[in-house]
PDB file of N, CA and C in Angstrom:
ATOM      1  N   MET A   1      72.310 113.883 153.725  1.00  0.00           N
ATOM      2  CA  MET A   1      72.491 115.015 154.490  1.00  0.00           C
ATOM      3  C   MET A   1      74.086 114.602 155.031  1.00  0.00           C
ATOM      4  N   LYS A   2      74.756 115.667 155.043  1.00  0.00           N
ATOM      5  CA  LYS A   2      75.984 115.336 155.766  1.00  0.00           C
ATOM      6  C   LYS A   2      76.196 115.104 157.250  1.00  0.00           C
ATOM      7  N   ARG A   3      77.004 114.288 157.825  1.00  0.00           N
ATOM      8  CA  ARG A   3      76.768 113.950 159.097  1.00  0.00           C
ATOM      9  C   ARG A   3      78.398 114.407 159.695  1.00  0.00           C
ATOM     10  N   ILE A   4      78.544 115.126 160.673  1.00  0.00           N
ATOM     11  CA  ILE A   4      79.693 115.254 161.528  1.00  0.00           C
ATOM     12  C   ILE A   4      79.544 114.781 162.831  1.00  0.00           C
ATOM     13  N   VAL A   5      80.666 114.079 163.357  1.00  0.00           N
ATOM     14  CA  VAL A   5      80.621 113.403 164.351  1.00  0.00           C
ATOM     15  C   VAL A   5      81.678 114.148 165.307  1.00  0.00           C
ATOM     16  N   ILE A   6      81.132 114.420 166.608  1.00  0.00           N
ATOM     17  CA  ILE A   6      82.228 115.082 167.458  1.00  0.00           C
ATOM     18  C   ILE A   6      82.334 114.131 168.783  1.00  0.00           C
ATOM     19  N   ILE A   7      83.470 113.651 168.977  1.00  0.00           N
ATOM     20  CA  ILE A   7      83.832 112.848 169.999  1.00  0.00           C
ATOM     21  C   ILE A   7      84.313 113.645 171.002  1.00  0.00           C
ATOM     22  N   GLY A   8      83.578 113.721 172.223  1.00  0.00           N
ATOM     23  CA  GLY A   8      83.827 114.382 173.342  1.00  0.00           C
ATOM     24  C   GLY A   8      83.068 115.529 173.547  1.00  0.00           C
ATOM     25  N   ALA A   9      82.431 115.805 174.826  1.00  0.00           N
ATOM     26  CA  ALA A   9      81.670 116.966 174.902  1.00  0.00           C
ATOM     27  C   ALA A   9      82.155 117.748 176.152  1.00  0.00           C
ATOM     28  N   GLY A  10      83.363 117.878 175.827  1.00  0.00           N
ATOM     29  CA  GLY A  10      83.884 118.903 176.799  1.00  0.00           C
ATOM     30  C   GLY A  10      83.874 120.277 176.416  1.00  0.00           C
ATOM     31  N   PHE A  11      84.689 121.356 177.013  1.00  0.00           N
ATOM     32  CA  PHE A  11      84.513 122.712 176.401  1.00  0.00           C
ATOM     33  C   PHE A  11      84.762 122.647 174.858  1.00  0.00           C
ATOM     34  N   ALA A  12      85.738 121.921 174.293  1.00  0.00           N
ATOM     35  CA  ALA A  12      86.060 122.083 172.879  1.00  0.00           C
ATOM     36  C   ALA A  12      84.830 121.244 171.957  1.00  0.00           C
ATOM     37  N   GLY A  13      84.469 120.296 172.557  1.00  0.00           N
ATOM     38  CA  GLY A  13      83.438 119.533 171.933  1.00  0.00           C
ATOM     39  C   GLY A  13      82.096 120.278 171.812  1.00  0.00           C
ATOM     40  N   LEU A  14      81.764 120.742 172.824  1.00  0.00           N
ATOM     41  CA  LEU A  14      80.483 121.677 172.976  1.00  0.00           C
ATOM     42  C   LEU A  14      80.595 122.944 172.059  1.00  0.00           C
ATOM     43  N   ALA A  15      81.816 123.573 172.136  1.00  0.00           N
ATOM     44  CA  ALA A  15      81.985 124.752 171.389  1.00  0.00           C
ATOM     45  C   ALA A  15      81.845 124.448 169.724  1.00  0.00           C
ATOM     46  N   ALA A  16      82.413 123.324 169.227  1.00  0.00           N
ATOM     47  CA  ALA A  16      82.119 122.724 167.960  1.00  0.00           C
ATOM     48  C   ALA A  16      80.718 122.488 167.732  1.00  0.00           C
ATOM     49  N   ALA A  17      80.246 122.022 168.612  1.00  0.00           N
ATOM     50  CA  ALA A  17      78.538 121.617 168.441  1.00  0.00           C
ATOM     51  C   ALA A  17      77.652 122.967 168.225  1.00  0.00           C
ATOM     52  N   LYS A  18      77.873 123.560 169.081  1.00  0.00           N
ATOM     53  CA  LYS A  18      77.505 124.968 169.027  1.00  0.00           C
ATOM     54  C   LYS A  18      77.624 125.755 167.846  1.00  0.00           C
ATOM     55  N   ALA A  19      78.990 125.833 167.221  1.00  0.00           N
ATOM     56  CA  ALA A  19      79.381 126.603 166.081  1.00  0.00           C
ATOM     57  C   ALA A  19      78.596 126.005 164.703  1.00  0.00           C
ATOM     58  N   LEU A  20      78.293 124.847 165.034  1.00  0.00           N
ATOM     59  CA  LEU A  20      77.198 124.116 163.918  1.00  0.00           C
ATOM     60  C   LEU A  20      76.000 124.100 163.937  1.00  0.00           C
ATOM     61  N   LYS A  21      75.311 124.898 164.873  1.00  0.00           N
ATOM     62  CA  LYS A  21      73.964 125.036 165.111  1.00  0.00           C
ATOM     63  C   LYS A  21      73.141 125.461 163.828  1.00  0.00           C
ATOM     64  N   HIS A  22      73.473 126.186 163.039  1.00  0.00           N
ATOM     65  CA  HIS A  22      72.987 126.665 161.933  1.00  0.00           C
ATOM     66  C   HIS A  22      73.407 125.955 160.581  1.00  0.00           C
ATOM     67  N   ALA A  23      74.314 124.947 160.669  1.00  0.00           N
ATOM     68  CA  ALA A  23      74.880 124.389 159.736  1.00  0.00           C
ATOM     69  C   ALA A  23      73.581 123.274 159.015  1.00  0.00           C
ATOM     70  N   ASP A  24      73.886 122.911 157.673  1.00  0.00           N
ATOM     71  CA  ASP A  24      73.053 122.043 156.941  1.00  0.00           C
ATOM     72  C   ASP A  24      73.732 120.728 156.971  1.00  0.00           C
ATOM     73  N   THR A  25      73.500 120.215 158.324  1.00  0.00           N
ATOM     74  CA  THR A  25      74.162 118.849 158.433  1.00  0.00           C
ATOM     75  C   THR A  25      73.682 118.215 159.877  1.00  0.00           C
ATOM     76  N   ASP A  26      73.939 116.943 159.965  1.00  0.00           N
ATOM     77  CA  ASP A  26      73.470 116.206 161.042  1.00  0.00           C
ATOM     78  C   ASP A  26      74.868 116.138 161.974  1.00  0.00           C
ATOM     79  N   VAL A  27      74.772 116.591 163.266  1.00  0.00           N
ATOM     80  CA  VAL A  27      75.918 116.662 164.109  1.00  0.00           C
ATOM     81  C   VAL A  27      75.381 115.581 165.322  1.00  0.00           C
ATOM     82  N   VAL A  28      76.543 114.730 165.468  1.00  0.00           N
ATOM     83  CA  VAL A  28      76.110 113.622 166.465  1.00  0.00           C
ATOM     84  C   VAL A  28      77.512 113.997 167.495  1.00  0.00           C
ATOM     85  N   VAL A  29      76.925 113.959 168.657  1.00  0.00           N
ATOM     86  CA  VAL A  29      78.126 114.279 169.646  1.00  0.00           C
ATOM     87  C   VAL A  29      77.988 113.030 170.586  1.00  0.00           C
ATOM     88  N   ILE A  30      79.316 112.362 170.954  1.00  0.00           N
ATOM     89  CA  ILE A  30      79.522 111.266 171.405  1.00  0.00           C
ATOM     90  C   ILE A  30      80.229 111.470 172.822  1.00  0.00           C
ATOM     91  N   ASP A  31      80.011 111.277 173.968  1.00  0.00           N
ATOM     92  CA  ASP A  31      80.698 111.468 175.010  1.00  0.00           C
ATOM     93  C   ASP A  31      80.191 109.845 176.146  1.00  0.00           C
ATOM     94  N   GLY A  32      81.167 109.651 176.778  1.00  0.00           N
ATOM     95  CA  GLY A  32      80.999 108.499 177.672  1.00  0.00           C
ATOM     96  C   GLY A  32      80.420 108.884 178.928  1.00  0.00           C
ATOM     97  N   ALA A  33      80.093 110.140 179.276  1.00  0.00           N
ATOM     98  CA  ALA A  33      79.360 110.662 180.201  1.00  0.00           C
ATOM     99  C   ALA A  33      78.105 111.455 179.835  1.00  0.00           C
ATOM    100  N   ASN A  34      77.080 111.392 180.668  1.00  0.00           N
ATOM    101  CA  ASN A  34      75.853 112.383 180.076  1.00  0.00           C
ATOM    102  C   ASN A  34      75.913 113.750 180.675  1.00  0.00           C
ATOM    103  N   HIS A  35      76.967 114.160 181.149  1.00  0.00           N
ATOM    104  CA  HIS A  35      77.132 115.448 181.718  1.00  0.00           C
ATOM    105  C   HIS A  35      78.331 116.015 181.455  1.00  0.00           C
ATOM    106  N   ASN A  36      78.477 117.386 181.480  1.00  0.00           N
ATOM    107  CA  ASN A  36      79.416 118.408 181.203  1.00  0.00           C
ATOM    108  C   ASN A  36      80.232 118.588 182.778  1.00  0.00           C
ATOM    109  N   LEU A  37      81.159 118.405 183.065  1.00  0.00           N
ATOM    110  CA  LEU A  37      81.672 118.735 184.709  1.00  0.00           C
ATOM    111  C   LEU A  37      82.734 119.928 184.560  1.00  0.00           C
ATOM    112  N   PHE A  38      82.749 121.045 185.130  1.00  0.00           N
ATOM    113  CA  PHE A  38      83.811 121.787 185.429  1.00  0.00           C
ATOM    114  C   PHE A  38      84.526 121.689 186.642  1.00  0.00           C
ATOM    115  N   GLN A  39      85.682 120.761 186.508  1.00  0.00           N
ATOM    116  CA  GLN A  39      86.282 120.091 187.527  1.00  0.00           C
ATOM    117  C   GLN A  39      87.194 121.075 188.292  1.00  0.00           C
ATOM    118  N   PRO A  40      87.610 122.317 187.979  1.00  0.00           N
ATOM    119  CA  PRO A  40      88.136 123.215 188.774  1.00  0.00           C
ATOM    120  C   PRO A  40      87.490 123.589 190.067  1.00  0.00           C
ATOM    121  N   LEU A  41      86.203 123.501 189.870  1.00  0.00           N
ATOM    122  CA  LEU A  41      85.424 123.807 191.088  1.00  0.00           C
ATOM    123  C   LEU A  41      84.879 122.625 191.880  1.00  0.00           C
ATOM    124  N   LEU A  42      85.474 121.428 191.554  1.00  0.00           N
ATOM    125  CA  LEU A  42      85.069 120.196 192.690  1.00  0.00           C
ATOM    126  C   LEU A  42      85.269 120.234 194.001  1.00  0.00           C
ATOM    127  N   TYR A  43      86.386 121.034 194.392  1.00  0.00           N
ATOM    128  CA  TYR A  43      86.750 121.453 195.699  1.00  0.00           C
ATOM    129  C   TYR A  43      85.895 122.215 196.577  1.00  0.00           C
ATOM    130  N   GLN A  44      85.120 122.993 195.596  1.00  0.00           N
ATOM    131  CA  GLN A  44      84.058 123.802 196.330  1.00  0.00           C
ATOM    132  C   GLN A  44      82.710 123.023 196.501  1.00  0.00           C
ATOM    133  N   VAL A  45      82.463 122.067 195.710  1.00  0.00           N
ATOM    134  CA  VAL A  45      81.376 120.993 196.103  1.00  0.00           C
ATOM    135  C   VAL A  45      81.621 120.313 197.456  1.00  0.00           C
ATOM    136  N   ALA A  46      82.970 119.876 197.336  1.00  0.00           N
ATOM    137  CA  ALA A  46      83.422 118.926 198.528  1.00  0.00           C
ATOM    138  C   ALA A  46      83.476 119.685 199.896  1.00  0.00           C
ATOM    139  N   THR A  47      83.518 121.163 199.739  1.00  0.00           N
ATOM    140  CA  THR A  47      83.483 121.943 201.028  1.00  0.00           C
ATOM    141  C   THR A  47      82.132 122.625 201.182  1.00  0.00           C
ATOM    142  N   THR A  48      81.146 122.158 200.264  1.00  0.00           N
ATOM    143  CA  THR A  48      79.692 122.508 200.343  1.00  0.00           C
ATOM    144  C   THR A  48      79.551 124.011 200.044  1.00  0.00           C
ATOM    145  N   VAL A  49      80.383 124.640 199.292  1.00  0.00           N
ATOM    146  CA  VAL A  49      80.237 126.086 198.955  1.00  0.00           C
ATOM    147  C   VAL A  49      79.301 126.248 197.800  1.00  0.00           C
ATOM    148  N   LEU A  50      79.511 125.167 196.881  1.00  0.00           N
ATOM    149  CA  LEU A  50      78.631 125.006 195.817  1.00  0.00           C
ATOM    150  C   LEU A  50      77.751 123.550 195.633  1.00  0.00           C
ATOM    151  N   SER A  51      76.879 123.697 195.077  1.00  0.00           N
ATOM    152  CA  SER A  51      76.036 122.314 194.974  1.00  0.00           C
ATOM    153  C   SER A  51      76.673 121.669 193.571  1.00  0.00           C
ATOM    154  N   PRO A  52      76.562 120.146 193.521  1.00  0.00           N
ATOM    155  CA  PRO A  52      77.019 119.680 192.256  1.00  0.00           C
ATOM    156  C   PRO A  52      76.106 120.202 191.061  1.00  0.00           C
ATOM    157  N   ALA A  53      75.040 120.804 191.019  1.00  0.00           N
ATOM    158  CA  ALA A  53      74.154 120.884 189.992  1.00  0.00           C
ATOM    159  C   ALA A  53      74.850 122.409 189.403  1.00  0.00           C
ATOM    160  N   GLN A  54      75.534 123.088 190.349  1.00  0.00           N
ATOM    161  CA  GLN A  54      76.230 124.244 189.632  1.00  0.00           C
ATOM    162  C   GLN A  54      77.442 124.192 188.816  1.00  0.00           C
ATOM    163  N   ILE A  55      77.956 122.995 188.915  1.00  0.00           N
ATOM    164  CA  ILE A  55      79.390 122.626 188.041  1.00  0.00           C
ATOM    165  C   ILE A  55      79.252 121.409 187.283  1.00  0.00           C
ATOM    166  N   ALA A  56      77.906 120.940 187.004  1.00  0.00           N
ATOM    167  CA  ALA A  56      77.733 119.958 186.026  1.00  0.00           C
ATOM    168  C   ALA A  56      76.461 120.133 185.387  1.00  0.00           C
ATOM    169  N   SER A  57      76.366 119.990 184.047  1.00  0.00           N
ATOM    170  CA  SER A  57      75.354 120.439 183.307  1.00  0.00           C
ATOM    171  C   SER A  57      75.062 118.956 182.476  1.00  0.00           C
ATOM    172  N   PRO A  58      73.629 118.554 182.251  1.00  0.00           N
ATOM    173  CA  PRO A  58      73.373 117.588 181.158  1.00  0.00           C
ATOM    174  C   PRO A  58      73.787 117.944 180.037  1.00  0.00           C
ATOM    175  N   ILE A  59      74.525 117.035 178.997  1.00  0.00           N
ATOM    176  CA  ILE A  59      74.937 117.456 177.652  1.00  0.00           C
ATOM    177  C   ILE A  59      73.775 117.762 176.689  1.00  0.00           C
ATOM    178  N   ARG A  60      72.756 117.064 176.885  1.00  0.00           N
ATOM    179  CA  ARG A  60      71.583 117.148 176.201  1.00  0.00           C
ATOM    180  C   ARG A  60      70.638 118.110 176.474  1.00  0.00           C
ATOM    181  N   GLY A  61      70.844 118.766 177.717  1.00  0.00           N
ATOM    182  CA  GLY A  61      70.231 120.054 178.182  1.00  0.00           C
ATOM    183  C   GLY A  61      71.087 121.223 177.556  1.00  0.00           C
ATOM    184  N   LEU A  62      72.371 121.251 177.464  1.00  0.00           N
ATOM    185  CA  LEU A  62      73.104 122.157 176.849  1.00  0.00           C
ATOM    186  C   LEU A  62      72.994 122.384 175.467  1.00  0.00           C
ATOM    187  N   LEU A  63      72.508 121.169 174.653  1.00  0.00           N
ATOM    188  CA  LEU A  63      72.318 121.139 173.324  1.00  0.00           C
ATOM    189  C   LEU A  63      70.896 121.038 173.080  1.00  0.00           C
ATOM    190  N   LYS A  64      69.980 121.278 173.939  1.00  0.00           N
ATOM    191  CA  LYS A  64      68.372 120.952 173.558  1.00  0.00           C
ATOM    192  C   LYS A  64      67.843 121.922 172.444  1.00  0.00           C
ATOM    193  N   ASN A  65      68.344 122.927 172.220  1.00  0.00           N
ATOM    194  CA  ASN A  65      67.707 123.954 171.225  1.00  0.00           C
ATOM    195  C   ASN A  65      68.337 123.660 169.765  1.00  0.00           C
ATOM    196  N   GLN A  66      69.487 122.727 169.777  1.00  0.00           N
ATOM    197  CA  GLN A  66      69.867 122.474 168.253  1.00  0.00           C
ATOM    198  C   GLN A  66      69.252 121.274 167.542  1.00  0.00           C
ATOM    199  N   ARG A  67      68.388 121.733 166.537  1.00  0.00           N
ATOM    200  CA  ARG A  67      67.539 120.590 165.966  1.00  0.00           C
ATOM    201  C   ARG A  67      68.458 119.558 165.276  1.00  0.00           C
ATOM    202  N   ASN A  68      69.395 119.918 164.785  1.00  0.00           N
ATOM    203  CA  ASN A  68      70.565 119.136 163.977  1.00  0.00           C
ATOM    204  C   ASN A  68      71.525 118.305 164.566  1.00  0.00           C
ATOM    205  N   THR A  69      71.320 118.422 165.966  1.00  0.00           N
ATOM    206  CA  THR A  69      72.251 117.907 167.085  1.00  0.00           C
ATOM    207  C   THR A  69      71.860 116.628 167.836  1.00  0.00           C
ATOM    208  N   SER A  70      72.405 115.483 167.878  1.00  0.00           N
ATOM    209  CA  SER A  70      71.965 114.330 168.761  1.00  0.00           C
ATOM    210  C   SER A  70      73.150 113.987 169.440  1.00  0.00           C
ATOM    211  N   VAL A  71      72.790 113.508 170.743  1.00  0.00           N
ATOM    212  CA  VAL A  71      73.897 113.181 171.553  1.00  0.00           C
ATOM    213  C   VAL A  71      73.863 111.778 171.810  1.00  0.00           C
ATOM    214  N   ARG A  72      74.759 111.031 171.794  1.00  0.00           N
ATOM    215  CA  ARG A  72      75.073 109.503 172.306  1.00  0.00           C
ATOM    216  C   ARG A  72      76.061 109.313 173.353  1.00  0.00           C
ATOM    217  N   VAL A  73      75.876 108.404 174.163  1.00  0.00           N
ATOM    218  CA  VAL A  73      76.637 108.101 175.433  1.00  0.00           C
ATOM    219  C   VAL A  73      77.286 106.920 175.557  1.00  0.00           C
ATOM    220  N   PRO A  74      77.532 106.119 174.630  1.00  0.00           N
ATOM    221  CA  PRO A  74      78.303 105.000 174.664  1.00  0.00           C
ATOM    222  C   PRO A  74      79.872 105.508 174.762  1.00  0.00           C
ATOM    223  N   SER A  75      80.650 104.384 174.926  1.00  0.00           N
ATOM    224  CA  SER A  75      82.143 104.673 174.986  1.00  0.00           C
ATOM    225  C   SER A  75      82.823 104.639 173.646  1.00  0.00           C
ATOM    226  N   PHE A  76      83.591 105.639 173.423  1.00  0.00           N
ATOM    227  CA  PHE A  76      84.236 105.667 172.195  1.00  0.00           C
ATOM    228  C   PHE A  76      85.426 104.669 172.258  1.00  0.00           C
ATOM    229  N   ASP A  77      85.497 103.981 170.931  1.00  0.00           N
ATOM    230  CA  ASP A  77      86.565 102.929 170.990  1.00  0.00           C
ATOM    231  C   ASP A  77      87.602 103.408 170.034  1.00  0.00           C
ATOM    232  N   SER A  78      87.226 103.642 168.816  1.00  0.00           N
ATOM    233  CA  SER A  78      88.386 103.877 167.883  1.00  0.00           C
ATOM    234  C   SER A  78      88.137 104.780 166.671  1.00  0.00           C
ATOM    235  N   ALA A  79      88.802 105.301 165.810  1.00  0.00           N
ATOM    236  CA  ALA A  79      88.634 106.205 164.923  1.00  0.00           C
ATOM    237  C   ALA A  79      89.537 105.516 163.873  1.00  0.00           C
ATOM    238  N   ASN A  80      89.132 105.156 162.749  1.00  0.00           N
ATOM    239  CA  ASN A  80      89.896 104.679 161.625  1.00  0.00           C
ATOM    240  C   ASN A  80      89.659 105.662 160.407  1.00  0.00           C
ATOM    241  N   ASN A  81      90.969 106.173 159.984  1.00  0.00           N
ATOM    242  CA  ASN A  81      90.846 107.361 158.985  1.00  0.00           C
ATOM    243  C   ASN A  81      90.768 106.749 157.550  1.00  0.00           C
ATOM    244  N   ALA A  82      91.310 105.442 157.296  1.00  0.00           N
ATOM    245  CA  ALA A  82      90.896 105.007 156.135  1.00  0.00           C
ATOM    246  C   ALA A  82      89.464 105.031 155.356  1.00  0.00           C
ATOM    247  N   PRO A  83      88.505 104.064 156.238  1.00  0.00           N
ATOM    248  CA  PRO A  83      87.274 104.023 155.812  1.00  0.00           C
ATOM    249  C   PRO A  83      86.538 105.260 156.385  1.00  0.00           C
ATOM    250  N   ARG A  84      86.916 106.093 157.129  1.00  0.00           N
ATOM    251  CA  ARG A  84      86.301 107.216 157.646  1.00  0.00           C
ATOM    252  C   ARG A  84      85.332 106.745 158.728  1.00  0.00           C
ATOM    253  N   THR A  85      85.442 105.837 159.648  1.00  0.00           N
ATOM    254  CA  THR A  85      84.554 105.466 160.593  1.00  0.00           C
ATOM    255  C   THR A  85      84.965 105.676 162.112  1.00  0.00           C
ATOM    256  N   SER A  86      84.008 105.897 162.973  1.00  0.00           N
ATOM    257  CA  SER A  86      84.160 105.944 164.164  1.00  0.00           C
ATOM    258  C   SER A  86      83.562 104.761 164.977  1.00  0.00           C
ATOM    259  N   THR A  87      84.271 104.106 165.547  1.00  0.00           N
ATOM    260  CA  THR A  87      83.548 102.949 166.363  1.00  0.00           C
ATOM    261  C   THR A  87      83.300 103.131 167.762  1.00  0.00           C
ATOM    262  N   ILE A  88      82.134 103.034 168.126  1.00  0.00           N
ATOM    263  CA  ILE A  88      81.640 103.193 169.359  1.00  0.00           C
ATOM    264  C   ILE A  88      81.030 101.981 170.134  1.00  0.00           C
ATOM    265  N   TRP A  89      81.260 101.946 171.413  1.00  0.00           N
ATOM    266  CA  TRP A  89      80.903 100.655 172.038  1.00  0.00           C
ATOM    267  C   TRP A  89      79.614 101.340 173.208  1.00  0.00           C
ATOM    268  N   SER A  90      78.718 100.375 173.066  1.00  0.00           N
ATOM    269  CA  SER A  90      77.774 100.691 173.845  1.00  0.00           C
ATOM    270  C   SER A  90      77.091  99.404 174.717  1.00  0.00           C
ATOM    271  N   ALA A  91      77.205  99.523 175.857  1.00  0.00           N
ATOM    272  CA  ALA A  91      76.936  98.413 176.876  1.00  0.00           C
ATOM    273  C   ALA A  91      75.321  98.057 176.942  1.00  0.00           C
ATOM    274  N   GLY A  92      75.069  97.151 176.284  1.00  0.00           N
ATOM    275  CA  GLY A  92      73.510  96.774 176.244  1.00  0.00           C
ATOM    276  C   GLY A  92      73.115  95.806 177.226  1.00  0.00           C
ATOM    277  N   VAL A  93      72.256  95.045 176.693  1.00  0.00           N
ATOM    278  CA  VAL A  93      71.844  93.762 177.735  1.00  0.00           C
ATOM    279  C   VAL A  93      72.816  92.560 177.775  1.00  0.00           C
ATOM    280  N   SER A  94      73.638  92.552 176.583  1.00  0.00           N
ATOM    281  CA  SER A  94      74.514  91.545 177.041  1.00  0.00           C
ATOM    282  C   SER A  94      75.945  91.886 177.696  1.00  0.00           C
ATOM    283  N   SER A  95      76.557  91.083 178.215  1.00  0.00           N
ATOM    284  CA  SER A  95      77.801  91.440 178.890  1.00  0.00           C
ATOM    285  C   SER A  95      78.832  91.878 177.998  1.00  0.00           C
ATOM    286  N   SER A  96      78.798  91.330 176.957  1.00  0.00           N
ATOM    287  CA  SER A  96      79.944  91.987 175.873  1.00  0.00           C
ATOM    288  C   SER A  96      79.754  93.373 175.338  1.00  0.00           C
ATOM    289  N   GLY A  97      78.422  93.612 175.409  1.00  0.00           N
ATOM    290  CA  GLY A  97      78.092  94.993 174.880  1.00  0.00           C
ATOM    291  C   GLY A  97      77.742  95.019 173.125  1.00  0.00           C
ATOM    292  N   THR A  98      77.654  96.014 172.595  1.00  0.00           N
ATOM    293  CA  THR A  98      77.354  96.193 171.237  1.00  0.00           C
ATOM    294  C   THR A  98      78.548  97.112 170.544  1.00  0.00           C
ATOM    295  N   ARG A  99      79.388  96.707 169.628  1.00  0.00           N
ATOM    296  CA  ARG A  99      79.853  97.498 168.751  1.00  0.00           C
ATOM    297  C   ARG A  99      79.416  98.114 167.380  1.00  0.00           C
ATOM    298  N   TYR A 100      79.474  99.236 167.022  1.00  0.00           N
ATOM    299  CA  TYR A 100      78.632  99.644 165.785  1.00  0.00           C
ATOM    300  C   TYR A 100      79.574 101.151 165.545  1.00  0.00           C
ATOM    301  N   SER A 101      79.430 101.210 164.115  1.00  0.00           N
ATOM    302  CA  SER A 101      80.288 102.267 163.670  1.00  0.00           C
ATOM    303  C   SER A 101      79.203 103.572 162.970  1.00  0.00           C
ATOM    304  N   VAL A 102      79.837 104.676 163.224  1.00  0.00           N
ATOM    305  CA  VAL A 102      79.080 105.815 162.785  1.00  0.00           C
ATOM    306  C   VAL A 102      80.131 106.265 161.728  1.00  0.00           C
ATOM    307  N   GLY A 103      79.393 106.395 160.460  1.00  0.00           N
ATOM    308  CA  GLY A 103      80.403 106.986 159.164  1.00  0.00           C
ATOM    309  C   GLY A 103      80.232 108.261 159.106  1.00  0.00           C
ATOM    310  N   PRO A 104      81.147 109.118 159.414  1.00  0.00           N
ATOM    311  CA  PRO A 104      80.799 110.676 159.445  1.00  0.00           C
ATOM    312  C   PRO A 104      81.448 111.249 158.116  1.00  0.00           C
ATOM    313  N   ARG A 105      80.987 112.398 157.533  1.00  0.00           N
ATOM    314  CA  ARG A 105      81.584 113.037 156.338  1.00  0.00           C
ATOM    315  C   ARG A 105      82.882 113.808 156.941  1.00  0.00           C
ATOM    316  N   ALA A 106      82.710 114.090 158.366  1.00  0.00           N
ATOM    317  CA  ALA A 106      83.884 114.825 159.137  1.00  0.00           C
ATOM    318  C   ALA A 106      83.945 114.544 160.480  1.00  0.00           C
ATOM    319  N   SER A 107      84.764 114.699 161.034  1.00  0.00           N
ATOM    320  CA  SER A 107      84.937 114.242 162.574  1.00  0.00           C
ATOM    321  C   SER A 107      85.597 115.263 163.366  1.00  0.00           C
ATOM    322  N   SER A 108      85.470 115.402 164.691  1.00  0.00           N
ATOM    323  CA  SER A 108      86.019 116.432 165.589  1.00  0.00           C
ATOM    324  C   SER A 108      86.385 115.447 166.683  1.00  0.00           C
ATOM    325  N   LEU A 109      87.719 115.251 167.023  1.00  0.00           N
ATOM    326  CA  LEU A 109      87.992 114.492 168.209  1.00  0.00           C
ATOM    327  C   LEU A 109      88.601 115.453 169.230  1.00  0.00           C
ATOM    328  N   ALA A 110      87.809 115.633 170.401  1.00  0.00           N
ATOM    329  CA  ALA A 110      88.060 116.459 171.621  1.00  0.00           C
ATOM    330  C   ALA A 110      87.792 115.612 172.685  1.00  0.00           C
ATOM    331  N   PRO A 111      88.415 114.474 172.954  1.00  0.00           N
ATOM    332  CA  PRO A 111      88.049 113.434 174.323  1.00  0.00           C
ATOM    333  C   PRO A 111      88.353 114.294 175.535  1.00  0.00           C
ATOM    334  N   GLY A 112      89.160 115.359 175.559  1.00  0.00           N
ATOM    335  CA  GLY A 112      89.413 115.749 176.775  1.00  0.00           C
ATOM    336  C   GLY A 112      90.600 115.249 177.670  1.00  0.00           C
ATOM    337  N   THR A 113      90.692 115.317 178.955  1.00  0.00           N
ATOM    338  CA  THR A 113      91.682 114.814 179.671  1.00  0.00           C
ATOM    339  C   THR A 113      91.115 113.990 180.844  1.00  0.00           C
ATOM    340  N   SER A 114      92.081 113.263 181.407  1.00  0.00           N
ATOM    341  CA  SER A 114      91.501 112.626 182.736  1.00  0.00           C
ATOM    342  C   SER A 114      92.361 113.029 183.960  1.00  0.00           C
ATOM    343  N   SER A 115      91.888 113.352 185.126  1.00  0.00           N
ATOM    344  CA  SER A 115      92.604 113.804 186.154  1.00  0.00           C
ATOM    345  C   SER A 115      93.291 112.449 186.948  1.00  0.00           C
ATOM    346  N   SER A 116      93.992 112.849 187.404  1.00  0.00           N
ATOM    347  CA  SER A 116      95.096 111.710 188.359  1.00  0.00           C
ATOM    348  C   SER A 116      94.244 111.528 189.532  1.00  0.00           C
TER     349      SER A 116
END
């Protein structure tokens, strides 16, 4: 079966994963966080107008009805177009962590942005 790797579970990554809901392929979503956060509303959480649960949702919960989709939470390390692999880093029991590759048939890079 084909595998599609989506790096990032922000709005673009989640939209790509949801668009592939009925595709005949395995979809792997990789994101360093286990939640999706709507940052424009963070100030309302700080002022107690909203609760944190109202602006952050677990990624697995957002994609729970998709049988062809799995979520991984390690850090993304690199993408190499020549052998078509994505290297991800998972902090395990060792202090150095573990590096392993996911070989997709196609990939979507949607890592998002970081705020200052």
